[in-house]
């Protein structure tokens, strides 16, 4: 099977002003760490590595839902409604039409 060449995917220019606040906080956390304070970087990775266990009732609820066959895709009708709602929200809070 031939290998295909991977190409870089560049972000759209309209994303230039989009900020991901947790990244800004990560920079602050790095500075605090350099000052000798202990920081738990809960914005990344697996919370289990920081001793945060999934509550037993959630594990049981997920297990029961899977046993009962309730772990499939959401109905397409829901996805269409969600897209329409998100489009209206985007139009309200953006200068760019949805």
Protein backbone atom coordinates (compact mmCIF):
# COMPACT_ATOMS: atom_id res chain seq x y z
CA UNK A 1 0.00 0.00 0.00
CA UNK A 2 1.56 3.36 -0.99
CA UNK A 3 2.17 5.95 1.69
CA UNK A 4 0.51 9.30 1.27
CA UNK A 5 2.35 12.48 2.07
CA UNK A 6 0.95 14.33 5.08
CA UNK A 7 0.37 18.00 4.57
CA UNK A 8 0.09 20.67 7.20
CA UNK A 9 -3.39 21.91 7.90
CA UNK A 10 -3.34 25.62 8.58
CA UNK A 11 -5.95 27.40 10.66
CA UNK A 12 -8.43 29.69 8.92
CA UNK A 13 -7.57 33.38 9.19
CA UNK A 14 -10.93 34.07 10.86
CA UNK A 15 -9.58 32.15 13.87
CA UNK A 16 -6.83 34.71 14.46
CA UNK A 17 -8.71 36.33 17.34
CA UNK A 18 -9.96 33.12 18.94
CA UNK A 19 -8.40 32.57 22.33
CA UNK A 20 -8.29 29.45 24.42
CA UNK A 21 -8.23 30.84 27.95
CA UNK A 22 -6.77 27.72 29.53
CA UNK A 23 -3.57 28.27 27.54
CA UNK A 24 -3.19 31.70 29.12
CA UNK A 25 -3.70 30.18 32.56
CA UNK A 26 -1.12 27.51 31.79
CA UNK A 27 1.47 30.28 31.31
CA UNK A 28 0.54 31.75 34.69
CA UNK A 29 0.77 28.29 36.26
CA UNK A 30 4.28 27.86 34.80
CA UNK A 31 5.37 31.12 36.44
CA UNK A 32 3.86 30.12 39.78
CA UNK A 33 5.63 26.77 39.54
CA UNK A 34 8.95 28.53 38.88
CA UNK A 35 8.38 30.46 42.11
CA UNK A 36 8.34 27.16 43.97
CA UNK A 37 4.61 26.63 44.38
CA UNK A 38 3.01 23.28 43.63
CA UNK A 39 0.47 23.38 40.80
CA UNK A 40 -1.82 20.57 39.72
CA UNK A 41 -2.28 21.04 35.94
CA UNK A 42 -5.84 19.73 35.77
CA UNK A 43 -6.37 21.27 32.33
CA UNK A 44 -4.43 18.48 30.67
CA UNK A 45 -4.06 14.78 30.86
CA UNK A 46 -5.82 12.25 32.98
CA UNK A 47 -7.39 13.37 36.27
CA UNK A 48 -6.73 9.89 37.65
CA UNK A 49 -3.03 10.73 37.70
CA UNK A 50 -3.88 13.46 40.23
CA UNK A 51 -5.83 11.03 42.41
CA UNK A 52 -9.28 12.18 41.25
CA UNK A 53 -11.32 9.00 41.02
CA UNK A 54 -14.53 8.65 39.01
CA UNK A 55 -17.40 8.46 41.52
CA UNK A 56 -18.84 4.94 41.80
CA UNK A 57 -22.39 6.09 40.95
CA UNK A 58 -21.17 7.47 37.61
CA UNK A 59 -19.32 4.26 36.79
CA UNK A 60 -22.47 2.26 37.58
CA UNK A 61 -24.71 4.59 35.55
CA UNK A 62 -22.44 4.30 32.50
CA UNK A 63 -22.21 0.53 32.94
CA UNK A 64 -26.01 0.23 33.21
CA UNK A 65 -26.55 2.42 30.13
CA UNK A 66 -24.18 0.23 28.14
CA UNK A 67 -25.84 -2.98 29.36
CA UNK A 68 -29.21 -1.50 28.39
CA UNK A 69 -27.99 -0.62 24.90
CA UNK A 70 -28.11 3.14 25.44
CA UNK A 71 -24.62 3.85 24.16
CA UNK A 72 -25.26 4.54 20.48
CA UNK A 73 -25.26 7.70 18.44
CA UNK A 74 -27.71 10.51 19.10
CA UNK A 75 -30.59 10.69 16.63
CA UNK A 76 -29.78 12.70 13.50
CA UNK A 77 -32.80 14.88 14.27
CA UNK A 78 -31.00 16.05 17.43
CA UNK A 79 -27.84 16.88 15.48
CA UNK A 80 -29.80 19.07 13.05
CA UNK A 81 -31.51 20.93 15.90
CA UNK A 82 -28.15 21.42 17.62
CA UNK A 83 -26.56 22.78 14.43
CA UNK A 84 -29.45 25.22 13.98
CA UNK A 85 -29.20 26.39 17.58
CA UNK A 86 -25.43 26.76 17.39
CA UNK A 87 -25.76 28.67 14.12
CA UNK A 88 -28.19 31.13 15.73
CA UNK A 89 -25.85 31.58 18.71
CA UNK A 90 -22.87 32.14 16.42
CA UNK A 91 -24.81 34.72 14.41
CA UNK A 92 -25.70 36.61 17.61
CA UNK A 93 -22.14 36.69 18.99
CA UNK A 94 -20.11 37.06 15.81
CA UNK A 95 -19.65 39.76 13.24
CA UNK A 96 -19.48 37.02 10.60
CA UNK A 97 -22.78 35.61 9.36
CA UNK A 98 -23.47 31.98 10.18
